[in-house]
Amino acid sequence: MLSKQLVLKNRGGLHARPATLFVQLANRYQSKITVVLDERETNAKSIIGLMTLGAGQGKEITVIVDGVDEQVAMEEITAFLQKAD
C-alpha cells in the first residue's frame, strides 16, 4: 500500500472535467485507489464520490493506492494531480 499527500494545483481542483479525467485515469488500474480530504474519503473510481469531496485548488488530499499495480498508478496519479492548468 502506498500513501501520498498532494496539494491540488489545477485551477478547478477535482471538479467537473478534471474529476472525470481523474476517474478515467484511476480506472486504468486494478489497484484500489482512495482519495481523502479532511475526514472524508472516497473511491477514486467514482465520479460522484470525487465531486462530493469538494477538493478545490490548493486543498491538500491524501491518495492511497493498494494493489498489484500500485507503484505505476501512484506515479501517474501524482503527475496528473500536480499539473497546473
N, C-alpha and C. Protein backbone atom coordinates (compact mmCIF):
# COMPACT_ATOMS: atom_id res chain seq x y z
N MET A 1 0.84 -1.18 0.00
CA MET A 1 0.00 0.00 0.00
C MET A 1 0.89 1.25 0.00
N LEU A 2 0.54 2.20 -0.84
CA LEU A 2 1.25 3.47 -0.91
C LEU A 2 0.31 4.60 -0.54
N SER A 3 0.84 5.61 0.12
CA SER A 3 0.06 6.77 0.52
C SER A 3 0.88 8.02 0.27
N LYS A 4 0.23 9.05 -0.26
CA LYS A 4 0.95 10.29 -0.55
C LYS A 4 0.02 11.47 -0.36
N GLN A 5 0.55 12.53 0.28
CA GLN A 5 -0.20 13.77 0.42
C GLN A 5 0.19 14.70 -0.73
N LEU A 6 -0.83 15.27 -1.36
CA LEU A 6 -0.60 16.13 -2.51
C LEU A 6 -1.46 17.38 -2.40
N VAL A 7 -0.93 18.49 -2.88
CA VAL A 7 -1.69 19.74 -2.95
C VAL A 7 -2.18 19.89 -4.39
N LEU A 8 -3.47 20.12 -4.56
CA LEU A 8 -4.06 20.26 -5.89
C LEU A 8 -3.65 21.59 -6.50
N LYS A 9 -3.01 21.54 -7.65
CA LYS A 9 -2.53 22.76 -8.31
C LYS A 9 -3.46 23.21 -9.43
N ASN A 10 -4.28 22.32 -9.92
CA ASN A 10 -5.21 22.60 -11.00
C ASN A 10 -6.23 23.65 -10.55
N ARG A 11 -6.53 24.64 -11.41
CA ARG A 11 -7.49 25.70 -11.07
C ARG A 11 -8.83 25.17 -10.62
N GLY A 12 -9.28 24.08 -11.22
CA GLY A 12 -10.59 23.54 -10.89
C GLY A 12 -10.57 22.49 -9.79
N GLY A 13 -9.38 22.19 -9.28
CA GLY A 13 -9.30 21.13 -8.28
C GLY A 13 -9.80 19.83 -8.87
N LEU A 14 -10.63 19.11 -8.13
CA LEU A 14 -11.22 17.87 -8.64
C LEU A 14 -12.72 18.07 -8.86
N HIS A 15 -13.05 19.03 -9.72
CA HIS A 15 -14.44 19.32 -10.06
C HIS A 15 -14.63 19.11 -11.55
N ALA A 16 -15.82 18.70 -11.94
CA ALA A 16 -16.24 18.56 -13.33
C ALA A 16 -15.22 17.85 -14.22
N ARG A 17 -14.68 18.54 -15.19
CA ARG A 17 -13.79 17.89 -16.17
C ARG A 17 -12.55 17.26 -15.52
N PRO A 18 -11.82 17.94 -14.63
CA PRO A 18 -10.66 17.29 -14.02
C PRO A 18 -11.04 16.02 -13.25
N ALA A 19 -12.19 16.04 -12.61
CA ALA A 19 -12.63 14.85 -11.86
C ALA A 19 -12.92 13.70 -12.82
N THR A 20 -13.53 14.02 -13.95
CA THR A 20 -13.82 12.99 -14.96
C THR A 20 -12.53 12.37 -15.47
N LEU A 21 -11.55 13.21 -15.78
CA LEU A 21 -10.26 12.71 -16.27
C LEU A 21 -9.55 11.89 -15.19
N PHE A 22 -9.66 12.33 -13.94
CA PHE A 22 -9.04 11.60 -12.84
C PHE A 22 -9.66 10.21 -12.69
N VAL A 23 -10.97 10.12 -12.76
CA VAL A 23 -11.67 8.83 -12.65
C VAL A 23 -11.26 7.91 -13.80
N GLN A 24 -11.17 8.46 -15.00
CA GLN A 24 -10.73 7.66 -16.15
C GLN A 24 -9.33 7.11 -15.92
N LEU A 25 -8.45 7.94 -15.39
CA LEU A 25 -7.09 7.51 -15.08
C LEU A 25 -7.10 6.41 -14.02
N ALA A 26 -7.82 6.62 -12.94
CA ALA A 26 -7.88 5.65 -11.85
C ALA A 26 -8.42 4.30 -12.32
N ASN A 27 -9.37 4.34 -13.24
CA ASN A 27 -9.97 3.10 -13.73
C ASN A 27 -9.06 2.28 -14.62
N ARG A 28 -7.93 2.81 -15.00
CA ARG A 28 -6.95 2.05 -15.78
C ARG A 28 -6.22 1.00 -14.93
N TYR A 29 -6.31 1.16 -13.63
CA TYR A 29 -5.53 0.31 -12.72
C TYR A 29 -6.41 -0.65 -11.93
N GLN A 30 -5.83 -1.80 -11.62
CA GLN A 30 -6.53 -2.80 -10.83
C GLN A 30 -6.55 -2.44 -9.35
N SER A 31 -5.58 -1.67 -8.91
CA SER A 31 -5.45 -1.31 -7.50
C SER A 31 -6.66 -0.54 -7.00
N LYS A 32 -6.92 -0.67 -5.70
CA LYS A 32 -7.92 0.14 -5.04
C LYS A 32 -7.29 1.51 -4.81
N ILE A 33 -7.98 2.57 -5.21
CA ILE A 33 -7.45 3.93 -5.09
C ILE A 33 -8.45 4.76 -4.30
N THR A 34 -7.96 5.35 -3.22
CA THR A 34 -8.81 6.14 -2.33
C THR A 34 -8.27 7.56 -2.24
N VAL A 35 -9.18 8.53 -2.22
CA VAL A 35 -8.81 9.93 -2.04
C VAL A 35 -9.41 10.39 -0.72
N VAL A 36 -8.58 11.04 0.12
CA VAL A 36 -9.02 11.51 1.43
C VAL A 36 -8.83 13.02 1.49
N LEU A 37 -9.89 13.72 1.91
CA LEU A 37 -9.82 15.16 2.14
C LEU A 37 -10.43 15.42 3.50
N ASP A 38 -9.64 15.99 4.39
CA ASP A 38 -10.06 16.20 5.77
C ASP A 38 -10.43 14.83 6.36
N GLU A 39 -11.64 14.66 6.83
CA GLU A 39 -12.06 13.39 7.44
C GLU A 39 -12.86 12.52 6.46
N ARG A 40 -13.04 13.01 5.24
CA ARG A 40 -13.86 12.28 4.26
C ARG A 40 -12.98 11.53 3.28
N GLU A 41 -13.41 10.33 2.92
CA GLU A 41 -12.67 9.58 1.91
C GLU A 41 -13.64 9.00 0.90
N THR A 42 -13.12 8.78 -0.32
CA THR A 42 -13.96 8.24 -1.38
C THR A 42 -13.14 7.39 -2.32
N ASN A 43 -13.82 6.54 -3.04
CA ASN A 43 -13.21 5.72 -4.08
C ASN A 43 -12.86 6.62 -5.25
N ALA A 44 -11.60 6.61 -5.67
CA ALA A 44 -11.15 7.47 -6.76
C ALA A 44 -11.75 7.07 -8.11
N LYS A 45 -12.40 5.93 -8.16
CA LYS A 45 -13.00 5.46 -9.40
C LYS A 45 -14.48 5.87 -9.49
N SER A 46 -14.93 6.69 -8.55
CA SER A 46 -16.32 7.14 -8.50
C SER A 46 -16.40 8.64 -8.75
N ILE A 47 -17.00 9.03 -9.86
CA ILE A 47 -17.13 10.46 -10.18
C ILE A 47 -17.98 11.17 -9.13
N ILE A 48 -19.05 10.55 -8.70
CA ILE A 48 -19.92 11.17 -7.69
C ILE A 48 -19.15 11.37 -6.38
N GLY A 49 -18.40 10.37 -5.99
CA GLY A 49 -17.61 10.47 -4.76
C GLY A 49 -16.62 11.60 -4.81
N LEU A 50 -15.90 11.72 -5.93
CA LEU A 50 -14.91 12.79 -6.06
C LEU A 50 -15.56 14.16 -6.07
N MET A 51 -16.66 14.29 -6.77
CA MET A 51 -17.33 15.59 -6.86
C MET A 51 -17.84 16.05 -5.49
N THR A 52 -18.30 15.11 -4.66
CA THR A 52 -18.84 15.49 -3.36
C THR A 52 -17.76 15.81 -2.33
N LEU A 53 -16.51 15.47 -2.63
CA LEU A 53 -15.43 15.83 -1.70
C LEU A 53 -15.22 17.34 -1.62
N GLY A 54 -15.46 18.03 -2.73
CA GLY A 54 -15.23 19.47 -2.75
C GLY A 54 -13.75 19.82 -2.71
N ALA A 55 -12.94 19.05 -3.42
CA ALA A 55 -11.49 19.23 -3.41
C ALA A 55 -11.10 20.30 -4.42
N GLY A 56 -10.98 21.53 -3.96
CA GLY A 56 -10.64 22.66 -4.82
C GLY A 56 -9.14 22.92 -4.88
N GLN A 57 -8.78 23.86 -5.71
CA GLN A 57 -7.38 24.24 -5.87
C GLN A 57 -6.78 24.62 -4.52
N GLY A 58 -5.56 24.15 -4.28
CA GLY A 58 -4.86 24.47 -3.04
C GLY A 58 -5.17 23.53 -1.89
N LYS A 59 -6.16 22.67 -2.04
CA LYS A 59 -6.51 21.72 -0.99
C LYS A 59 -5.47 20.59 -0.95
N GLU A 60 -5.18 20.13 0.26
CA GLU A 60 -4.27 19.00 0.41
C GLU A 60 -5.09 17.73 0.56
N ILE A 61 -4.84 16.78 -0.33
CA ILE A 61 -5.53 15.50 -0.27
C ILE A 61 -4.50 14.40 -0.02
N THR A 62 -4.99 13.27 0.42
CA THR A 62 -4.16 12.08 0.56
C THR A 62 -4.68 11.06 -0.44
N VAL A 63 -3.76 10.49 -1.21
CA VAL A 63 -4.11 9.44 -2.17
C VAL A 63 -3.51 8.14 -1.63
N ILE A 64 -4.35 7.11 -1.54
CA ILE A 64 -3.92 5.81 -1.06
C ILE A 64 -4.16 4.81 -2.19
N VAL A 65 -3.12 4.09 -2.56
CA VAL A 65 -3.21 3.11 -3.64
C VAL A 65 -2.75 1.76 -3.09
N ASP A 66 -3.58 0.74 -3.30
CA ASP A 66 -3.28 -0.58 -2.77
C ASP A 66 -3.62 -1.64 -3.80
N GLY A 67 -2.60 -2.33 -4.29
CA GLY A 67 -2.85 -3.40 -5.26
C GLY A 67 -1.62 -3.74 -6.08
N VAL A 68 -1.84 -4.59 -7.06
CA VAL A 68 -0.73 -5.14 -7.84
C VAL A 68 0.01 -4.09 -8.68
N ASP A 69 -0.67 -3.05 -9.10
CA ASP A 69 -0.04 -2.03 -9.95
C ASP A 69 0.06 -0.69 -9.21
N GLU A 70 0.19 -0.75 -7.90
CA GLU A 70 0.15 0.47 -7.08
C GLU A 70 1.26 1.46 -7.40
N GLN A 71 2.46 0.98 -7.70
CA GLN A 71 3.58 1.89 -7.96
C GLN A 71 3.33 2.74 -9.20
N VAL A 72 2.96 2.10 -10.28
CA VAL A 72 2.70 2.81 -11.54
C VAL A 72 1.48 3.72 -11.37
N ALA A 73 0.44 3.22 -10.72
CA ALA A 73 -0.76 4.02 -10.50
C ALA A 73 -0.44 5.29 -9.72
N MET A 74 0.33 5.15 -8.66
CA MET A 74 0.67 6.32 -7.84
C MET A 74 1.48 7.34 -8.63
N GLU A 75 2.42 6.86 -9.44
CA GLU A 75 3.23 7.78 -10.25
C GLU A 75 2.35 8.57 -11.22
N GLU A 76 1.45 7.87 -11.91
CA GLU A 76 0.58 8.54 -12.89
C GLU A 76 -0.39 9.50 -12.20
N ILE A 77 -0.96 9.09 -11.10
CA ILE A 77 -1.91 9.94 -10.37
C ILE A 77 -1.21 11.18 -9.82
N THR A 78 -0.02 11.00 -9.28
CA THR A 78 0.75 12.14 -8.77
C THR A 78 1.03 13.13 -9.88
N ALA A 79 1.47 12.64 -11.04
CA ALA A 79 1.77 13.52 -12.16
C ALA A 79 0.51 14.27 -12.60
N PHE A 80 -0.62 13.57 -12.65
CA PHE A 80 -1.88 14.21 -13.05
C PHE A 80 -2.29 15.30 -12.08
N LEU A 81 -2.23 15.00 -10.80
CA LEU A 81 -2.69 15.96 -9.78
C LEU A 81 -1.75 17.13 -9.58
N GLN A 82 -0.50 16.99 -9.95
CA GLN A 82 0.46 18.07 -9.77
C GLN A 82 0.53 19.02 -10.96
N LYS A 83 -0.19 18.69 -12.04
CA LYS A 83 -0.21 19.59 -13.20
C LYS A 83 -1.04 20.82 -12.87
N ALA A 84 -0.51 21.96 -13.19
CA ALA A 84 -1.30 23.21 -13.09
C ALA A 84 -1.85 23.50 -14.47
N ASP A 85 -3.05 24.07 -14.51
CA ASP A 85 -3.66 24.39 -15.81
C ASP A 85 -2.86 25.42 -16.55
